[in-house]
Each structure stands twice: as structure tokens, then as C-alpha cells.
Amino acid sequence: GMHGKIVSVDEEKMQWCDDSVYEIATYATNEYDGAVNTAKLMDRYDADKYYAAYWCADYGYGWYMPAKKELEKIFQHKSKINSTLSKYGYSQLEEIWYWSSTEVVGDEFCAWFVYMSNGDTDSPNKLSNLYVRAVSAF
């Protein structure tokens, strides 16, 4: 009867996608369900060019790149998450920018990220080098 989400114990710094595809609208615009966005990206013939989502999906079955609102929720619970990560010797969520899987509606060049220092969001160019963590639901 328990359910929730877990955050990967490691992270990587990378672009959202390759420069050969960043001008293409992917319609991965769901702000609440990163699994839906990640599936849209992984169903593409050029899925390996969507680096951040590909890294998350490659983490294993059920892992995905979190959506914008999921990352905001992670920020809200950051102290609890970091406490657990630290307890088991894993790297904590840093006060840095983390990619979401949510592409900006009407601007295929950009995707949303969340700043884990204060919860701010912004939408830089997909070629920016930011951090990503995978998420899984249970």
C-alpha cells in the first residue's frame, strides 16, 4: 500500500540534448509527469541524442527524468532526501541547477530547470550544461 518516488544516488552534468536536435520540438511538455516526457523522448528514433533523458532511462526499468513540478516537489523535500542520501554515503542534492524533462511550450530551444538552492525555475537553452538526477516511482 505504500507509494512514492525515489531519487537516484548519483547525478551527471550534461546538455539536455545534442545540438543537432535542440531546434526540434519534442512535445515533452508535461509539467507533472516526467515518465510521460521521458517516454516521448525515448520513443524517438534519435533518443540517444536527448542526453539527460537517455541517462535517466538508462538507469534501469522504471527510471525517468523528472518533470518540472516533480523537481519542485523534490526541492520542497530536499532536506529529508539529503539526510537519507548522506546517511548511506551518497552525494546529496547540491545547490545547483537540475534539468527537468519538461520542454518549454512554444519554445523548442529551451527546457525547464529547478535551482535546488531556492526552488527558482527558469528555462535555458537545451545546450546548457546542467545537472540531472533520475527518479523512479513505486
Protein backbone atom coordinates (compact mmCIF):
# COMPACT_ATOMS: atom_id res chain seq x y z
CA GLY A 1 0.00 0.00 0.00
CA MET A 2 3.00 2.34 0.11
CA HIS A 3 3.84 4.54 -2.82
CA GLY A 4 6.22 7.37 -3.52
CA LYS A 5 9.21 8.41 -5.55
CA ILE A 6 12.91 7.89 -5.13
CA VAL A 7 15.80 9.95 -6.42
CA SER A 8 18.95 8.38 -7.87
CA VAL A 9 22.02 8.36 -5.66
CA ASP A 10 24.19 9.95 -8.31
CA GLU A 11 23.97 12.77 -10.80
CA GLU A 12 25.62 13.85 -14.03
CA LYS A 13 26.28 17.21 -15.66
CA MET A 14 25.23 17.33 -19.31
CA GLN A 15 23.24 19.04 -22.01
CA TRP A 16 19.52 18.35 -22.30
CA CYS A 17 20.16 17.26 -25.89
CA ASP A 18 22.63 17.29 -28.76
CA ASP A 19 22.97 20.44 -30.86
CA SER A 20 21.71 18.53 -33.89
CA VAL A 21 18.22 18.16 -32.35
CA TYR A 22 17.79 21.09 -29.98
CA GLU A 23 15.73 23.04 -32.52
CA ILE A 24 13.18 20.22 -32.80
CA ALA A 25 10.01 20.41 -30.72
CA THR A 26 9.60 17.11 -28.86
CA TYR A 27 6.24 17.92 -27.20
CA ALA A 28 7.62 16.58 -23.91
CA THR A 29 5.77 19.39 -22.15
CA ASN A 30 4.05 17.65 -19.23
CA GLU A 31 4.93 19.62 -16.08
CA TYR A 32 3.78 16.90 -13.64
CA ASP A 33 4.76 13.54 -15.14
CA GLY A 34 8.37 13.08 -16.13
CA ALA A 35 7.74 9.44 -17.05
CA VAL A 36 5.44 10.63 -19.85
CA ASN A 37 8.02 13.14 -21.09
CA THR A 38 10.88 10.64 -20.89
CA ALA A 39 8.84 8.04 -22.80
CA LYS A 40 8.17 10.59 -25.57
CA LEU A 41 11.88 11.23 -25.88
CA MET A 42 12.89 7.57 -25.68
CA ASP A 43 10.32 6.61 -28.32
CA ARG A 44 12.08 8.82 -30.87
CA TYR A 45 14.40 7.31 -33.47
CA ASP A 46 17.12 9.70 -32.23
CA ALA A 47 16.55 9.07 -28.50
CA ASP A 48 20.28 8.81 -27.77
CA LYS A 49 20.66 12.48 -28.69
CA TYR A 50 18.47 13.53 -25.74
CA TYR A 51 21.33 13.06 -23.31
CA ALA A 52 19.71 13.88 -19.96
CA ALA A 53 16.56 11.81 -20.51
CA TYR A 54 18.59 8.98 -22.03
CA TRP A 55 20.89 8.91 -18.98
CA CYS A 56 17.88 8.71 -16.67
CA ALA A 57 16.11 6.00 -18.69
CA ASP A 58 19.37 4.04 -18.91
CA TYR A 59 19.44 3.94 -15.11
CA GLY A 60 17.09 0.97 -15.35
CA TYR A 61 13.48 -0.12 -15.62
CA GLY A 62 11.08 2.50 -14.26
CA TRP A 63 13.63 5.31 -14.02
CA TYR A 64 12.95 8.59 -15.78
CA MET A 65 13.87 12.26 -15.91
CA PRO A 66 11.63 14.24 -13.54
CA ALA A 67 9.20 16.85 -14.82
CA LYS A 68 9.32 20.47 -13.68
CA LYS A 69 6.72 20.08 -10.89
CA GLU A 70 8.34 16.83 -9.71
CA LEU A 71 11.64 18.67 -9.31
CA GLU A 72 9.87 21.43 -7.41
CA LYS A 73 8.49 18.77 -5.06
CA ILE A 74 11.98 17.30 -4.69
CA PHE A 75 13.20 20.78 -3.70
CA GLN A 76 10.44 21.01 -1.07
CA HIS A 77 11.70 17.74 0.47
CA LYS A 78 15.39 18.35 -0.18
CA SER A 79 16.47 18.28 3.47
CA LYS A 80 14.86 14.86 4.06
CA ILE A 81 16.25 13.50 0.80
CA ASN A 82 19.74 14.82 1.58
CA SER A 83 19.60 13.40 5.09
CA THR A 84 18.87 9.94 3.70
CA LEU A 85 21.50 10.22 0.94
CA SER A 86 24.10 11.36 3.48
CA LYS A 87 23.18 8.58 5.94
CA TYR A 88 24.11 5.98 3.31
CA GLY A 89 27.18 7.80 2.00
CA TYR A 90 25.77 9.11 -1.28
CA SER A 91 26.13 12.57 -2.80
CA GLN A 92 23.45 15.00 -1.74
CA LEU A 93 21.34 17.23 -3.92
CA GLU A 94 23.54 20.26 -4.39
CA GLU A 95 22.51 23.88 -4.55
CA ILE A 96 22.79 23.84 -8.34
CA TRP A 97 20.52 23.78 -11.39
CA TYR A 98 18.84 20.47 -12.28
CA TRP A 99 17.23 19.75 -15.64
CA SER A 100 13.61 18.72 -15.84
CA SER A 101 12.19 16.68 -18.71
CA THR A 102 9.71 19.48 -19.43
CA GLU A 103 10.27 21.32 -22.68
CA VAL A 104 9.01 24.91 -22.78
CA VAL A 105 5.70 25.17 -24.63
CA GLY A 106 6.16 27.29 -27.74
CA ASP A 107 9.95 27.44 -27.41
CA GLU A 108 11.53 24.24 -28.65
CA PHE A 109 15.02 25.63 -27.92
CA CYS A 110 14.51 25.59 -24.15
CA ALA A 111 13.60 23.28 -21.27
CA TRP A 112 12.80 23.98 -17.62
CA PHE A 113 15.18 23.55 -14.72
CA VAL A 114 14.93 23.99 -10.96
CA TYR A 115 17.57 25.65 -8.80
CA MET A 116 17.98 23.49 -5.69
CA SER A 117 19.21 26.45 -3.66
CA ASN A 118 15.88 28.28 -3.53
CA GLY A 119 13.41 26.43 -5.81
CA ASP A 120 13.52 29.01 -8.60
CA THR A 121 12.76 27.82 -12.11
CA ASP A 122 13.98 29.07 -15.45
CA SER A 123 14.24 27.82 -19.00
CA PRO A 124 17.69 27.98 -20.57
CA ASN A 125 18.76 26.76 -23.95
CA LYS A 126 18.80 22.94 -24.08
CA LEU A 127 22.52 23.05 -24.87
CA SER A 128 23.39 24.37 -21.40
CA ASN A 129 25.40 22.03 -19.19
CA LEU A 130 23.31 21.41 -16.06
CA TYR A 131 22.88 18.51 -13.66
CA VAL A 132 20.36 15.71 -13.86
CA ARG A 133 19.14 13.04 -11.44
CA ALA A 134 16.88 10.14 -12.31
CA VAL A 135 13.61 9.45 -10.49
CA SER A 136 11.58 6.27 -10.06
CA ALA A 137 8.06 5.81 -8.73
CA PHE A 138 6.88 2.88 -6.61
